[in-house]
């Protein structure tokens, strides 16, 4: 009976050590948790700013909120994939856009 207990304990400890070798450290997990919370806050603020945003007739540029939201979601997914990887896979080579200014098309003169 004690031998079975020690075998189970050994297997449990090996499983913990093996799984923790691929996971982020406790400190890093805490930092990434903060990053995810801040990304949620930024996304909420962007959504709130987009709602009342109306482009005026004289505006040449406007902010591209949908593109910003896509990039935030992509960053969030990358952090979540790092924290809980399914298996070793190649990284997504697509870069973030980073340019959030849209040209407003000129208004057509009314006849």
PDB file of N, CA and C in Angstrom:
ATOM      1  N   UNK A   1       0.813  -1.203   0.000  1.00  0.00           N
ATOM      2  CA  UNK A   1       0.000   0.000   0.000  1.00  0.00           C
ATOM      3  C   UNK A   1       0.854   1.264   0.000  1.00  0.00           C
ATOM      4  N   UNK A   2       1.867   1.370   0.886  1.00  0.00           N
ATOM      5  CA  UNK A   2       2.701   2.575   0.851  1.00  0.00           C
ATOM      6  C   UNK A   2       3.428   2.733  -0.476  1.00  0.00           C
ATOM      7  N   UNK A   3       3.788   1.629  -1.116  1.00  0.00           N
ATOM      8  CA  UNK A   3       4.473   1.713  -2.397  1.00  0.00           C
ATOM      9  C   UNK A   3       3.566   2.352  -3.449  1.00  0.00           C
ATOM     10  N   UNK A   4       2.312   1.997  -3.467  1.00  0.00           N
ATOM     11  CA  UNK A   4       1.357   2.584  -4.404  1.00  0.00           C
ATOM     12  C   UNK A   4       1.210   4.083  -4.149  1.00  0.00           C
ATOM     13  N   UNK A   5       1.158   4.457  -2.889  1.00  0.00           N
ATOM     14  CA  UNK A   5       1.040   5.877  -2.548  1.00  0.00           C
ATOM     15  C   UNK A   5       2.251   6.652  -3.051  1.00  0.00           C
ATOM     16  N   UNK A   6       3.450   6.116  -2.848  1.00  0.00           N
ATOM     17  CA  UNK A   6       4.664   6.799  -3.288  1.00  0.00           C
ATOM     18  C   UNK A   6       4.751   6.861  -4.812  1.00  0.00           C
ATOM     19  N   UNK A   7       4.285   5.812  -5.481  1.00  0.00           N
ATOM     20  CA  UNK A   7       4.278   5.826  -6.945  1.00  0.00           C
ATOM     21  C   UNK A   7       3.334   6.918  -7.456  1.00  0.00           C
ATOM     22  N   UNK A   8       2.169   7.001  -6.851  1.00  0.00           N
ATOM     23  CA  UNK A   8       1.211   8.041  -7.250  1.00  0.00           C
ATOM     24  C   UNK A   8       1.776   9.434  -6.974  1.00  0.00           C
ATOM     25  N   UNK A   9       2.412   9.584  -5.839  1.00  0.00           N
ATOM     26  CA  UNK A   9       3.025  10.864  -5.484  1.00  0.00           C
ATOM     27  C   UNK A   9       4.139  11.217  -6.463  1.00  0.00           C
ATOM     28  N   UNK A  10       4.948  10.235  -6.838  1.00  0.00           N
ATOM     29  CA  UNK A  10       6.018  10.460  -7.802  1.00  0.00           C
ATOM     30  C   UNK A  10       5.457  10.849  -9.161  1.00  0.00           C
ATOM     31  N   UNK A  11       4.426  10.150  -9.610  1.00  0.00           N
ATOM     32  CA  UNK A  11       3.809  10.487 -10.899  1.00  0.00           C
ATOM     33  C   UNK A  11       3.193  11.887 -10.868  1.00  0.00           C
ATOM     34  N   UNK A  12       2.562  12.249  -9.772  1.00  0.00           N
ATOM     35  CA  UNK A  12       1.977  13.577  -9.642  1.00  0.00           C
ATOM     36  C   UNK A  12       3.051  14.647  -9.681  1.00  0.00           C
ATOM     37  N   UNK A  13       4.144  14.437  -8.967  1.00  0.00           N
ATOM     38  CA  UNK A  13       5.211  15.437  -8.956  1.00  0.00           C
ATOM     39  C   UNK A  13       5.868  15.555 -10.322  1.00  0.00           C
ATOM     40  N   UNK A  14       6.039  14.445 -11.033  1.00  0.00           N
ATOM     41  CA  UNK A  14       6.599  14.502 -12.389  1.00  0.00           C
ATOM     42  C   UNK A  14       5.662  15.244 -13.338  1.00  0.00           C
ATOM     43  N   UNK A  15       4.382  15.017 -13.195  1.00  0.00           N
ATOM     44  CA  UNK A  15       3.413  15.713 -14.046  1.00  0.00           C
ATOM     45  C   UNK A  15       3.444  17.214 -13.793  1.00  0.00           C
ATOM     46  N   UNK A  16       3.570  17.599 -12.534  1.00  0.00           N
ATOM     47  CA  UNK A  16       3.618  19.032 -12.198  1.00  0.00           C
ATOM     48  C   UNK A  16       4.890  19.657 -12.744  1.00  0.00           C
ATOM     49  N   UNK A  17       6.019  19.000 -12.549  1.00  0.00           N
ATOM     50  CA  UNK A  17       7.293  19.539 -13.041  1.00  0.00           C
ATOM     51  C   UNK A  17       7.278  19.604 -14.556  1.00  0.00           C
ATOM     52  N   UNK A  18       6.774  18.567 -15.196  1.00  0.00           N
ATOM     53  CA  UNK A  18       6.747  18.535 -16.663  1.00  0.00           C
ATOM     54  C   UNK A  18       5.852  19.640 -17.217  1.00  0.00           C
ATOM     55  N   UNK A  19       4.672  19.826 -16.653  1.00  0.00           N
ATOM     56  CA  UNK A  19       3.760  20.848 -17.170  1.00  0.00           C
ATOM     57  C   UNK A  19       4.252  22.245 -16.850  1.00  0.00           C
ATOM     58  N   UNK A  20       4.928  22.417 -15.718  1.00  0.00           N
ATOM     59  CA  UNK A  20       5.391  23.756 -15.369  1.00  0.00           C
ATOM     60  C   UNK A  20       6.588  24.168 -16.196  1.00  0.00           C
ATOM     61  N   UNK A  21       7.276  23.220 -16.819  1.00  0.00           N
ATOM     62  CA  UNK A  21       8.418  23.595 -17.639  1.00  0.00           C
ATOM     63  C   UNK A  21       7.966  24.319 -18.905  1.00  0.00           C
ATOM     64  N   UNK A  22       6.744  24.117 -19.344  1.00  0.00           N
ATOM     65  CA  UNK A  22       6.234  24.789 -20.519  1.00  0.00           C
ATOM     66  C   UNK A  22       5.423  26.032 -20.169  1.00  0.00           C
ATOM     67  N   UNK A  23       4.949  26.136 -18.961  1.00  0.00           N
ATOM     68  CA  UNK A  23       4.119  27.268 -18.565  1.00  0.00           C
ATOM     69  C   UNK A  23       4.995  28.445 -18.157  1.00  0.00           C
ATOM     70  N   UNK A  24       4.409  29.617 -18.185  1.00  0.00           N
ATOM     71  CA  UNK A  24       5.109  30.815 -17.754  1.00  0.00           C
ATOM     72  C   UNK A  24       5.274  30.791 -16.242  1.00  0.00           C
ATOM     73  N   UNK A  25       6.256  31.537 -15.757  1.00  0.00           N
ATOM     74  CA  UNK A  25       6.455  31.605 -14.315  1.00  0.00           C
ATOM     75  C   UNK A  25       5.257  32.285 -13.666  1.00  0.00           C
ATOM     76  N   UNK A  26       5.155  32.150 -12.362  1.00  0.00           N
ATOM     77  CA  UNK A  26       4.039  32.757 -11.627  1.00  0.00           C
ATOM     78  C   UNK A  26       4.053  34.264 -11.795  1.00  0.00           C
ATOM     79  N   UNK A  27       5.243  34.851 -11.704  1.00  0.00           N
ATOM     80  CA  UNK A  27       5.365  36.306 -11.886  1.00  0.00           C
ATOM     81  C   UNK A  27       4.908  36.715 -13.289  1.00  0.00           C
ATOM     82  N   UNK A  28       5.374  35.950 -14.293  1.00  0.00           N
ATOM     83  CA  UNK A  28       5.012  36.270 -15.676  1.00  0.00           C
ATOM     84  C   UNK A  28       3.512  36.098 -15.908  1.00  0.00           C
ATOM     85  N   UNK A  29       2.923  35.075 -15.318  1.00  0.00           N
ATOM     86  CA  UNK A  29       1.480  34.877 -15.460  1.00  0.00           C
ATOM     87  C   UNK A  29       0.715  36.045 -14.857  1.00  0.00           C
ATOM     88  N   UNK A  30       1.190  36.540 -13.716  1.00  0.00           N
ATOM     89  CA  UNK A  30       0.553  37.696 -13.099  1.00  0.00           C
ATOM     90  C   UNK A  30       0.656  38.935 -13.979  1.00  0.00           C
ATOM     91  N   UNK A  31       1.825  39.135 -14.597  1.00  0.00           N
ATOM     92  CA  UNK A  31       2.004  40.284 -15.476  1.00  0.00           C
ATOM     93  C   UNK A  31       1.117  40.172 -16.718  1.00  0.00           C
ATOM     94  N   UNK A  32       1.038  38.972 -17.279  1.00  0.00           N
ATOM     95  CA  UNK A  32       0.177  38.792 -18.449  1.00  0.00           C
ATOM     96  C   UNK A  32      -1.292  38.938 -18.083  1.00  0.00           C
ATOM     97  N   UNK A  33      -1.670  38.561 -16.877  1.00  0.00           N
ATOM     98  CA  UNK A  33      -3.033  38.774 -16.415  1.00  0.00           C
ATOM     99  C   UNK A  33      -3.353  40.269 -16.389  1.00  0.00           C
ATOM    100  N   UNK A  34      -2.400  41.067 -15.906  1.00  0.00           N
ATOM    101  CA  UNK A  34      -2.588  42.523 -15.917  1.00  0.00           C
ATOM    102  C   UNK A  34      -2.687  43.058 -17.338  1.00  0.00           C
ATOM    103  N   UNK A  35      -1.869  42.528 -18.233  1.00  0.00           N
ATOM    104  CA  UNK A  35      -1.919  42.962 -19.634  1.00  0.00           C
ATOM    105  C   UNK A  35      -3.293  42.660 -20.229  1.00  0.00           C
ATOM    106  N   UNK A  36      -3.820  41.469 -19.954  1.00  0.00           N
ATOM    107  CA  UNK A  36      -5.141  41.114 -20.486  1.00  0.00           C
ATOM    108  C   UNK A  36      -6.228  42.026 -19.932  1.00  0.00           C
ATOM    109  N   UNK A  37      -6.138  42.382 -18.647  1.00  0.00           N
ATOM    110  CA  UNK A  37      -7.110  43.307 -18.063  1.00  0.00           C
ATOM    111  C   UNK A  37      -7.015  44.675 -18.729  1.00  0.00           C
ATOM    112  N   UNK A  38      -5.803  45.128 -18.981  1.00  0.00           N
ATOM    113  CA  UNK A  38      -5.626  46.431 -19.610  1.00  0.00           C
ATOM    114  C   UNK A  38      -6.107  46.415 -21.056  1.00  0.00           C
ATOM    115  N   UNK A  39      -5.902  45.304 -21.757  1.00  0.00           N
ATOM    116  CA  UNK A  39      -6.429  45.190 -23.123  1.00  0.00           C
ATOM    117  C   UNK A  39      -7.953  45.249 -23.115  1.00  0.00           C
ATOM    118  N   UNK A  40      -8.588  44.603 -22.129  1.00  0.00           N
ATOM    119  CA  UNK A  40     -10.044  44.675 -22.001  1.00  0.00           C
ATOM    120  C   UNK A  40     -10.493  46.123 -21.791  1.00  0.00           C
ATOM    121  N   UNK A  41      -9.774  46.839 -20.935  1.00  0.00           N
ATOM    122  CA  UNK A  41     -10.118  48.239 -20.657  1.00  0.00           C
ATOM    123  C   UNK A  41      -9.959  49.089 -21.910  1.00  0.00           C
ATOM    124  N   UNK A  42      -8.861  48.906 -22.629  1.00  0.00           N
ATOM    125  CA  UNK A  42      -8.629  49.678 -23.858  1.00  0.00           C
ATOM    126  C   UNK A  42      -9.708  49.389 -24.887  1.00  0.00           C
ATOM    127  N   UNK A  43     -10.080  48.120 -25.012  1.00  0.00           N
ATOM    128  CA  UNK A  43     -11.116  47.764 -25.983  1.00  0.00           C
ATOM    129  C   UNK A  43     -12.459  48.401 -25.608  1.00  0.00           C
ATOM    130  N   UNK A  44     -12.800  48.398 -24.316  1.00  0.00           N
ATOM    131  CA  UNK A  44     -14.052  49.040 -23.876  1.00  0.00           C
ATOM    132  C   UNK A  44     -14.011  50.544 -24.154  1.00  0.00           C
ATOM    133  N   UNK A  45     -12.872  51.180 -23.870  1.00  0.00           N
ATOM    134  CA  UNK A  45     -12.749  52.621 -24.122  1.00  0.00           C
ATOM    135  C   UNK A  45     -12.861  52.934 -25.609  1.00  0.00           C
ATOM    136  N   UNK A  46     -12.260  52.107 -26.445  1.00  0.00           N
ATOM    137  CA  UNK A  46     -12.340  52.324 -27.891  1.00  0.00           C
ATOM    138  C   UNK A  46     -13.773  52.154 -28.390  1.00  0.00           C
ATOM    139  N   UNK A  47     -14.471  51.170 -27.851  1.00  0.00           N
ATOM    140  CA  UNK A  47     -15.871  50.957 -28.240  1.00  0.00           C
ATOM    141  C   UNK A  47     -16.724  52.138 -27.811  1.00  0.00           C
ATOM    142  N   UNK A  48     -16.470  52.621 -26.608  1.00  0.00           N
ATOM    143  CA  UNK A  48     -17.220  53.778 -26.106  1.00  0.00           C
ATOM    144  C   UNK A  48     -16.911  55.036 -26.927  1.00  0.00           C
ATOM    145  N   UNK A  49     -15.671  55.213 -27.330  1.00  0.00           N
ATOM    146  CA  UNK A  49     -15.298  56.386 -28.124  1.00  0.00           C
ATOM    147  C   UNK A  49     -15.850  56.306 -29.539  1.00  0.00           C
ATOM    148  N   UNK A  50     -15.972  55.095 -30.060  1.00  0.00           N
ATOM    149  CA  UNK A  50     -16.457  54.919 -31.427  1.00  0.00           C
ATOM    150  C   UNK A  50     -17.938  55.227 -31.541  1.00  0.00           C
ATOM    151  N   UNK A  51     -18.719  54.896 -30.533  1.00  0.00           N
ATOM    152  CA  UNK A  51     -20.167  55.043 -30.586  1.00  0.00           C
ATOM    153  C   UNK A  51     -20.605  56.474 -30.878  1.00  0.00           C
ATOM    154  N   UNK A  52     -20.159  57.474 -30.111  1.00  0.00           N
ATOM    155  CA  UNK A  52     -20.620  58.828 -30.419  1.00  0.00           C
ATOM    156  C   UNK A  52     -19.836  59.503 -31.542  1.00  0.00           C
ATOM    157  N   UNK A  53     -18.837  58.821 -32.048  1.00  0.00           N
ATOM    158  CA  UNK A  53     -17.982  59.416 -33.069  1.00  0.00           C
ATOM    159  C   UNK A  53     -18.749  59.565 -34.380  1.00  0.00           C
ATOM    160  N   UNK A  54     -18.883  60.777 -34.790  1.00  0.00           N
ATOM    161  CA  UNK A  54     -19.504  61.056 -36.084  1.00  0.00           C
ATOM    162  C   UNK A  54     -18.548  61.939 -36.852  1.00  0.00           C
ATOM    163  N   UNK A  55     -18.258  61.554 -38.056  1.00  0.00           N
ATOM    164  CA  UNK A  55     -17.338  62.360 -38.842  1.00  0.00           C
ATOM    165  C   UNK A  55     -18.094  63.555 -39.407  1.00  0.00           C
ATOM    166  N   UNK A  56     -17.480  64.690 -39.234  1.00  0.00           N
ATOM    167  CA  UNK A  56     -18.087  65.909 -39.742  1.00  0.00           C
ATOM    168  C   UNK A  56     -17.722  66.079 -41.213  1.00  0.00           C
ATOM    169  N   UNK A  57     -18.442  66.899 -41.895  1.00  0.00           N
ATOM    170  CA  UNK A  57     -18.261  67.058 -43.334  1.00  0.00           C
ATOM    171  C   UNK A  57     -16.855  67.535 -43.683  1.00  0.00           C
ATOM    172  N   UNK A  58     -16.230  68.359 -42.849  1.00  0.00           N
ATOM    173  CA  UNK A  58     -14.920  68.897 -43.166  1.00  0.00           C
ATOM    174  C   UNK A  58     -13.760  68.030 -42.721  1.00  0.00           C
ATOM    175  N   UNK A  59     -14.039  66.926 -42.048  1.00  0.00           N
ATOM    176  CA  UNK A  59     -12.962  66.062 -41.567  1.00  0.00           C
ATOM    177  C   UNK A  59     -12.287  65.344 -42.723  1.00  0.00           C
ATOM    178  N   UNK A  60     -10.954  65.446 -42.729  1.00  0.00           N
ATOM    179  CA  UNK A  60     -10.212  64.756 -43.775  1.00  0.00           C
ATOM    180  C   UNK A  60      -9.871  63.331 -43.353  1.00  0.00           C
ATOM    181  N   UNK A  61      -9.638  63.148 -42.054  1.00  0.00           N
ATOM    182  CA  UNK A  61      -9.281  61.841 -41.522  1.00  0.00           C
ATOM    183  C   UNK A  61     -10.206  61.471 -40.372  1.00  0.00           C
ATOM    184  N   UNK A  62     -10.319  60.180 -40.140  1.00  0.00           N
ATOM    185  CA  UNK A  62     -11.033  59.696 -38.977  1.00  0.00           C
ATOM    186  C   UNK A  62     -10.291  58.488 -38.442  1.00  0.00           C
ATOM    187  N   UNK A  63     -10.552  58.132 -37.196  1.00  0.00           N
ATOM    188  CA  UNK A  63      -9.853  57.029 -36.553  1.00  0.00           C
ATOM    189  C   UNK A  63     -10.492  55.711 -36.950  1.00  0.00           C
ATOM    190  N   UNK A  64      -9.675  54.714 -37.251  1.00  0.00           N
ATOM    191  CA  UNK A  64     -10.156  53.401 -37.676  1.00  0.00           C
ATOM    192  C   UNK A  64     -10.334  52.500 -36.452  1.00  0.00           C
ATOM    193  N   UNK A  65     -11.469  52.625 -35.784  1.00  0.00           N
ATOM    194  CA  UNK A  65     -11.758  51.854 -34.574  1.00  0.00           C
ATOM    195  C   UNK A  65     -11.833  50.351 -34.826  1.00  0.00           C
ATOM    196  N   UNK A  66     -12.455  49.895 -35.921  1.00  0.00           N
ATOM    197  CA  UNK A  66     -12.498  48.439 -36.151  1.00  0.00           C
ATOM    198  C   UNK A  66     -11.102  47.820 -36.284  1.00  0.00           C
ATOM    199  N   UNK A  67     -10.179  48.517 -36.923  1.00  0.00           N
ATOM    200  CA  UNK A  67      -8.826  47.985 -37.069  1.00  0.00           C
ATOM    201  C   UNK A  67      -8.125  47.910 -35.711  1.00  0.00           C
ATOM    202  N   UNK A  68      -8.328  48.938 -34.879  1.00  0.00           N
ATOM    203  CA  UNK A  68      -7.760  48.924 -33.531  1.00  0.00           C
ATOM    204  C   UNK A  68      -8.316  47.750 -32.738  1.00  0.00           C
ATOM    205  N   UNK A  69      -9.609  47.517 -32.822  1.00  0.00           N
ATOM    206  CA  UNK A  69     -10.242  46.409 -32.107  1.00  0.00           C
ATOM    207  C   UNK A  69      -9.691  45.070 -32.584  1.00  0.00           C
ATOM    208  N   UNK A  70      -9.475  44.915 -33.881  1.00  0.00           N
ATOM    209  CA  UNK A  70      -8.900  43.675 -34.406  1.00  0.00           C
ATOM    210  C   UNK A  70      -7.499  43.441 -33.857  1.00  0.00           C
ATOM    211  N   UNK A  71      -6.692  44.497 -33.809  1.00  0.00           N
ATOM    212  CA  UNK A  71      -5.334  44.356 -33.294  1.00  0.00           C
ATOM    213  C   UNK A  71      -5.333  44.016 -31.806  1.00  0.00           C
ATOM    214  N   UNK A  72      -6.223  44.629 -31.045  1.00  0.00           N
ATOM    215  CA  UNK A  72      -6.315  44.319 -29.611  1.00  0.00           C
ATOM    216  C   UNK A  72      -6.700  42.859 -29.421  1.00  0.00           C
ATOM    217  N   UNK A  73      -7.647  42.375 -30.190  1.00  0.00           N
ATOM    218  CA  UNK A  73      -8.067  40.974 -30.087  1.00  0.00           C
ATOM    219  C   UNK A  73      -6.922  40.032 -30.471  1.00  0.00           C
ATOM    220  N   UNK A  74      -6.157  40.434 -31.466  1.00  0.00           N
ATOM    221  CA  UNK A  74      -5.027  39.616 -31.903  1.00  0.00           C
ATOM    222  C   UNK A  74      -3.953  39.542 -30.828  1.00  0.00           C
ATOM    223  N   UNK A  75      -3.671  40.670 -30.183  1.00  0.00           N
ATOM    224  CA  UNK A  75      -2.696  40.686 -29.090  1.00  0.00           C
ATOM    225  C   UNK A  75      -3.193  39.819 -27.941  1.00  0.00           C
ATOM    226  N   UNK A  76      -4.484  39.963 -27.598  1.00  0.00           N
ATOM    227  CA  UNK A  76      -5.057  39.162 -26.514  1.00  0.00           C
ATOM    228  C   UNK A  76      -4.941  37.673 -26.815  1.00  0.00           C
ATOM    229  N   UNK A  77      -5.247  37.286 -28.047  1.00  0.00           N
ATOM    230  CA  UNK A  77      -5.168  35.876 -28.427  1.00  0.00           C
ATOM    231  C   UNK A  77      -3.740  35.367 -28.337  1.00  0.00           C
ATOM    232  N   UNK A  78      -2.763  36.199 -28.730  1.00  0.00           N
ATOM    233  CA  UNK A  78      -1.363  35.795 -28.631  1.00  0.00           C
ATOM    234  C   UNK A  78      -0.927  35.572 -27.194  1.00  0.00           C
ATOM    235  N   UNK A  79      -1.362  36.442 -26.290  1.00  0.00           N
ATOM    236  CA  UNK A  79      -1.024  36.285 -24.871  1.00  0.00           C
ATOM    237  C   UNK A  79      -1.681  35.020 -24.328  1.00  0.00           C
ATOM    238  N   UNK A  80      -2.943  34.799 -24.653  1.00  0.00           N
ATOM    239  CA  UNK A  80      -3.640  33.609 -24.163  1.00  0.00           C
ATOM    240  C   UNK A  80      -3.016  32.335 -24.730  1.00  0.00           C
ATOM    241  N   UNK A  81      -2.596  32.373 -25.991  1.00  0.00           N
ATOM    242  CA  UNK A  81      -1.947  31.201 -26.584  1.00  0.00           C
ATOM    243  C   UNK A  81      -0.606  30.922 -25.911  1.00  0.00           C
ATOM    244  N   UNK A  82       0.099  31.978 -25.511  1.00  0.00           N
ATOM    245  CA  UNK A  82       1.370  31.789 -24.818  1.00  0.00           C
ATOM    246  C   UNK A  82       1.156  31.187 -23.427  1.00  0.00           C
ATOM    247  N   UNK A  83       0.135  31.660 -22.735  1.00  0.00           N
ATOM    248  CA  UNK A  83      -0.117  31.182 -21.379  1.00  0.00           C
ATOM    249  C   UNK A  83      -0.632  29.748 -21.343  1.00  0.00           C
ATOM    250  N   UNK A  84      -1.360  29.348 -22.362  1.00  0.00           N
ATOM    251  CA  UNK A  84      -1.870  27.977 -22.394  1.00  0.00           C
ATOM    252  C   UNK A  84      -1.690  27.398 -23.798  1.00  0.00           C
ATOM    253  N   UNK A  85      -0.450  27.048 -24.140  1.00  0.00           N
ATOM    254  CA  UNK A  85      -0.202  26.511 -25.488  1.00  0.00           C
ATOM    255  C   UNK A  85      -0.805  25.125 -25.649  1.00  0.00           C
ATOM    256  N   UNK A  86      -1.373  24.877 -26.827  1.00  0.00           N
ATOM    257  CA  UNK A  86      -1.934  23.564 -27.090  1.00  0.00           C
ATOM    258  C   UNK A  86      -0.820  22.586 -27.464  1.00  0.00           C
ATOM    259  N   UNK A  87       0.137  23.055 -28.245  1.00  0.00           N
ATOM    260  CA  UNK A  87       1.320  22.282 -28.624  1.00  0.00           C
ATOM    261  C   UNK A  87       2.254  23.217 -29.371  1.00  0.00           C
ATOM    262  N   UNK A  88       3.424  22.769 -29.645  1.00  0.00           N
ATOM    263  CA  UNK A  88       4.386  23.624 -30.342  1.00  0.00           C
ATOM    264  C   UNK A  88       3.935  23.815 -31.787  1.00  0.00           C
ATOM    265  N   UNK A  89       3.688  25.061 -32.144  1.00  0.00           N
ATOM    266  CA  UNK A  89       3.257  25.391 -33.497  1.00  0.00           C
ATOM    267  C   UNK A  89       4.007  26.629 -33.954  1.00  0.00           C
ATOM    268  N   UNK A  90       4.135  26.818 -35.253  1.00  0.00           N
ATOM    269  CA  UNK A  90       4.789  28.026 -35.735  1.00  0.00           C
ATOM    270  C   UNK A  90       3.975  29.265 -35.366  1.00  0.00           C
ATOM    271  N   UNK A  91       4.657  30.346 -35.144  1.00  0.00           N
ATOM    272  CA  UNK A  91       4.009  31.612 -34.810  1.00  0.00           C
ATOM    273  C   UNK A  91       3.309  32.184 -36.031  1.00  0.00           C
ATOM    274  N   UNK A  92       2.294  32.997 -35.779  1.00  0.00           N
ATOM    275  CA  UNK A  92       1.571  33.698 -36.833  1.00  0.00           C
ATOM    276  C   UNK A  92       2.458  34.839 -37.348  1.00  0.00           C
ATOM    277  N   UNK A  93       2.890  34.794 -38.602  1.00  0.00           N
ATOM    278  CA  UNK A  93       3.827  35.803 -39.094  1.00  0.00           C
ATOM    279  C   UNK A  93       3.189  37.149 -39.459  1.00  0.00           C
ATOM    280  N   UNK A  94       1.873  37.258 -39.401  1.00  0.00           N
ATOM    281  CA  UNK A  94       1.207  38.487 -39.776  1.00  0.00           C
ATOM    282  C   UNK A  94       1.519  39.581 -38.761  1.00  0.00           C
ATOM    283  N   UNK A  95       1.885  40.754 -39.255  1.00  0.00           N
ATOM    284  CA  UNK A  95       2.216  41.864 -38.369  1.00  0.00           C
ATOM    285  C   UNK A  95       0.973  42.686 -38.068  1.00  0.00           C
ATOM    286  N   UNK A  96       1.018  43.406 -36.940  1.00  0.00           N
ATOM    287  CA  UNK A  96      -0.056  44.329 -36.608  1.00  0.00           C
ATOM    288  C   UNK A  96      -0.006  45.495 -37.582  1.00  0.00           C
ATOM    289  N   UNK A  97      -1.147  46.080 -37.836  1.00  0.00           N
ATOM    290  CA  UNK A  97      -1.214  47.165 -38.793  1.00  0.00           C
ATOM    291  C   UNK A  97      -0.627  48.443 -38.201  1.00  0.00           C
ATOM    292  N   UNK A  98      -1.156  48.886 -37.092  1.00  0.00           N
ATOM    293  CA  UNK A  98      -0.614  50.048 -36.399  1.00  0.00           C
ATOM    294  C   UNK A  98      -1.002  51.388 -36.980  1.00  0.00           C
ATOM    295  N   UNK A  99      -1.558  51.455 -38.174  1.00  0.00           N
ATOM    296  CA  UNK A  99      -1.981  52.719 -38.768  1.00  0.00           C
ATOM    297  C   UNK A  99      -3.497  52.787 -38.663  1.00  0.00           C
ATOM    298  N   UNK A 100      -3.978  53.684 -37.816  1.00  0.00           N
ATOM    299  CA  UNK A 100      -5.409  53.733 -37.522  1.00  0.00           C
ATOM    300  C   UNK A 100      -6.085  54.981 -38.085  1.00  0.00           C
ATOM    301  N   UNK A 101      -5.466  55.640 -39.030  1.00  0.00           N
ATOM    302  CA  UNK A 101      -6.050  56.837 -39.614  1.00  0.00           C
ATOM    303  C   UNK A 101      -6.656  56.467 -40.963  1.00  0.00           C
ATOM    304  N   UNK A 102      -7.911  56.797 -41.150  1.00  0.00           N
ATOM    305  CA  UNK A 102      -8.598  56.544 -42.416  1.00  0.00           C
ATOM    306  C   UNK A 102      -8.814  57.873 -43.135  1.00  0.00           C
ATOM    307  N   UNK A 103      -8.600  57.875 -44.426  1.00  0.00           N
ATOM    308  CA  UNK A 103      -8.920  59.059 -45.219  1.00  0.00           C
ATOM    309  C   UNK A 103     -10.421  59.096 -45.436  1.00  0.00           C
ATOM    310  N   UNK A 104     -11.012  60.243 -45.182  1.00  0.00           N
ATOM    311  CA  UNK A 104     -12.426  60.425 -45.415  1.00  0.00           C
ATOM    312  C   UNK A 104     -12.609  60.833 -46.873  1.00  0.00           C
ATOM    313  N   UNK A 105     -13.449  60.114 -47.606  1.00  0.00           N
ATOM    314  CA  UNK A 105     -13.638  60.473 -49.022  1.00  0.00           C
ATOM    315  C   UNK A 105     -14.260  61.876 -49.119  1.00  0.00           C
ATOM    316  N   UNK A 106     -13.859  62.623 -50.127  1.00  0.00           N
ATOM    317  CA  UNK A 106     -14.416  63.981 -50.262  1.00  0.00           C
ATOM    318  C   UNK A 106     -15.918  63.907 -50.496  1.00  0.00           C
ATOM    319  N   UNK A 107     -16.602  64.875 -49.904  1.00  0.00           N
ATOM    320  CA  UNK A 107     -18.064  64.925 -50.056  1.00  0.00           C
ATOM    321  C   UNK A 107     -18.401  65.365 -51.484  1.00  0.00           C
ATOM    322  N   UNK A 108     -19.412  64.720 -52.042  1.00  0.00           N
ATOM    323  CA  UNK A 108     -19.833  65.074 -53.398  1.00  0.00           C
ATOM    324  C   UNK A 108     -20.647  66.362 -53.322  1.00  0.00           C
ATOM    325  N   UNK A 109     -20.368  67.297 -54.209  1.00  0.00           N
ATOM    326  CA  UNK A 109     -21.175  68.508 -54.195  1.00  0.00           C
ATOM    327  C   UNK A 109     -22.609  68.193 -54.604  1.00  0.00           C
ATOM    328  N   UNK A 110     -23.539  68.766 -53.895  1.00  0.00           N
ATOM    329  CA  UNK A 110     -24.946  68.526 -54.236  1.00  0.00           C
ATOM    330  C   UNK A 110     -25.352  69.420 -55.397  1.00  0.00           C
ATOM    331  N   UNK A 111     -26.171  68.894 -56.303  1.00  0.00           N
ATOM    332  CA  UNK A 111     -26.560  69.672 -57.499  1.00  0.00           C
ATOM    333  C   UNK A 111     -27.501  70.799 -57.179  1.00  0.00           C
TER     334      UNK A 111
END
